[in-house]
Amino acid sequence: MDIQLEPGDIDTAVPPSGPGCVECEATGGWWVHLRRCAACGHIGCCDTSPSQHASKHAAETTHPVIRSYEPGETWFYDFRTEQVFDGPELAPPESHPASQPVPGPEGRVPADWMDKVHR
C-alpha cells in the first residue's frame, strides 16, 4: 500500500504535548491507549477509550495522521485512508512513560472500565 502524505501531515521536530490525553487530563477522564498527532504533537485517547479524543482532534484540526504513543509501538495511522503504515522517527519521547498503567492514568480508571470502552 502506497501512503500519499501531504506537506504538514508529519512534523518530526514537534514534541508530544505530555504524558497523557490532553482533554482527559483537563476533565479528570481516563483512557485505554494513547495516540500522538503527527502534525502538532497533541496526545489524545484512542477510539476504544470512552471519549475518543485523538480522532476528534484529527477531525477538528484536519491533522489526519496519528502515531501510537504506547511503549514499543511505532506505527502510524492515516484517518483519510484508514491505513496503518511505518513512518519517520518523531521528536522524543516516543511514548508515555512505561511506568504509566494501561488503561490510565493511575487512580482514575473505574473498576468496570471494560464495560465503558468502545469495541
Protein backbone atom coordinates (compact mmCIF):
# COMPACT_ATOMS: atom_id res chain seq x y z
CA MET A 1 0.00 0.00 0.00
CA ASP A 2 1.39 3.38 -1.01
CA ILE A 3 0.52 6.13 1.50
CA GLN A 4 0.26 9.61 -0.01
CA LEU A 5 1.20 12.13 2.67
CA GLU A 6 0.75 15.85 2.21
CA PRO A 7 3.05 18.62 3.46
CA GLY A 8 2.34 19.21 7.14
CA ASP A 9 0.91 15.74 7.84
CA ILE A 10 4.01 14.82 9.87
CA ASP A 11 6.33 17.20 11.73
CA THR A 12 9.28 15.25 13.08
CA ALA A 13 10.52 18.19 15.19
CA VAL A 14 7.45 18.84 17.34
CA PRO A 15 7.45 17.13 20.76
CA PRO A 16 4.38 15.44 22.26
CA SER A 17 2.06 17.59 24.37
CA GLY A 18 2.63 15.50 27.50
CA PRO A 19 2.35 12.04 29.02
CA GLY A 20 -1.44 11.72 28.77
CA CYS A 21 -4.54 12.71 26.82
CA VAL A 22 -4.81 16.50 26.93
CA GLU A 23 -8.61 16.57 27.23
CA CYS A 24 -8.89 13.66 29.68
CA GLU A 25 -6.28 15.26 31.91
CA ALA A 26 -8.24 18.54 31.86
CA THR A 27 -11.55 16.88 32.70
CA GLY A 28 -10.47 14.09 35.05
CA GLY A 29 -11.16 11.42 32.44
CA TRP A 30 -9.27 8.24 31.62
CA TRP A 31 -8.10 6.37 28.53
CA VAL A 32 -7.33 2.91 27.24
CA HIS A 33 -4.45 3.77 24.86
CA LEU A 34 -2.82 7.00 23.74
CA ARG A 35 -2.26 8.40 20.25
CA ARG A 36 0.02 11.23 19.14
CA CYS A 37 -0.88 13.70 16.39
CA ALA A 38 1.97 13.51 13.91
CA ALA A 39 1.45 17.14 12.86
CA CYS A 40 1.28 19.01 16.19
CA GLY A 41 2.15 16.51 18.95
CA HIS A 42 -1.29 16.58 20.60
CA ILE A 43 -1.78 13.49 22.77
CA GLY A 44 -5.32 12.10 22.66
CA CYS A 45 -7.02 8.90 23.70
CA CYS A 46 -7.76 6.09 21.24
CA ASP A 47 -11.11 5.18 19.73
CA THR A 48 -11.54 2.35 22.24
CA SER A 49 -11.43 4.95 25.04
CA PRO A 50 -14.70 6.46 26.21
CA SER A 51 -14.00 9.97 24.85
CA GLN A 52 -12.07 9.18 21.63
CA HIS A 53 -10.12 12.45 21.75
CA ALA A 54 -7.45 11.53 19.17
CA SER A 55 -9.95 11.07 16.33
CA LYS A 56 -11.90 14.16 17.48
CA HIS A 57 -8.67 16.17 17.31
CA ALA A 58 -8.00 14.87 13.80
CA ALA A 59 -11.49 15.86 12.65
CA GLU A 60 -11.41 19.30 14.27
CA THR A 61 -7.90 20.26 13.13
CA THR A 62 -7.67 18.34 9.83
CA HIS A 63 -4.48 16.70 11.14
CA PRO A 64 -5.10 13.24 9.62
CA VAL A 65 -2.08 11.24 10.81
CA ILE A 66 -1.51 9.82 14.28
CA ARG A 67 1.13 7.59 15.77
CA SER A 68 0.78 5.20 18.66
CA TYR A 69 2.03 6.71 21.91
CA GLU A 70 2.37 3.32 23.60
CA PRO A 71 5.77 1.92 24.62
CA GLY A 72 7.25 -0.30 21.91
CA GLU A 73 4.73 0.75 19.22
CA THR A 74 5.88 2.88 16.29
CA TRP A 75 3.02 2.53 13.79
CA PHE A 76 1.28 5.47 12.15
CA TYR A 77 -2.36 5.65 11.04
CA ASP A 78 -3.94 7.87 8.39
CA PHE A 79 -7.61 8.68 9.11
CA ARG A 80 -8.17 9.59 5.44
CA THR A 81 -7.23 6.18 4.09
CA GLU A 82 -7.73 4.14 7.28
CA GLN A 83 -4.30 2.64 6.67
CA VAL A 84 -1.54 1.77 9.13
CA PHE A 85 1.99 2.48 7.93
CA ASP A 86 5.60 2.89 9.05
CA GLY A 87 6.89 6.43 9.23
CA PRO A 88 9.78 8.57 10.40
CA GLU A 89 11.13 8.87 13.90
CA LEU A 90 9.44 11.68 15.83
CA ALA A 91 10.82 14.04 18.46
CA PRO A 92 11.16 12.38 21.85
CA PRO A 93 9.68 10.99 23.91
CA GLU A 94 8.41 8.19 21.71
CA SER A 95 5.71 7.08 24.17
CA HIS A 96 4.13 7.75 27.51
CA PRO A 97 6.26 6.62 30.47
CA ALA A 98 6.48 2.83 30.67
CA SER A 99 5.50 3.10 34.34
CA GLN A 100 2.14 4.64 33.40
CA PRO A 101 -0.55 1.94 33.53
CA VAL A 102 -2.76 0.92 30.62
CA PRO A 103 -5.53 1.85 30.87
CA GLY A 104 -4.62 5.03 32.67
CA PRO A 105 -3.93 7.22 34.35
CA GLU A 106 -3.44 5.52 37.68
CA GLY A 107 -6.23 6.21 40.11
CA ARG A 108 -8.83 7.38 37.56
CA VAL A 109 -9.75 4.16 35.77
CA PRO A 110 -13.05 2.78 37.06
CA ALA A 111 -13.23 -0.83 38.21
CA ASP A 112 -15.80 -1.56 35.47
CA TRP A 113 -13.72 0.09 32.74
CA MET A 114 -14.17 -2.80 30.30
CA ASP A 115 -17.93 -2.10 30.27
CA LYS A 116 -17.26 1.52 29.25
CA VAL A 117 -14.98 1.04 26.23
CA HIS A 118 -15.89 1.22 22.55
CA ARG A 119 -15.40 -2.04 20.69
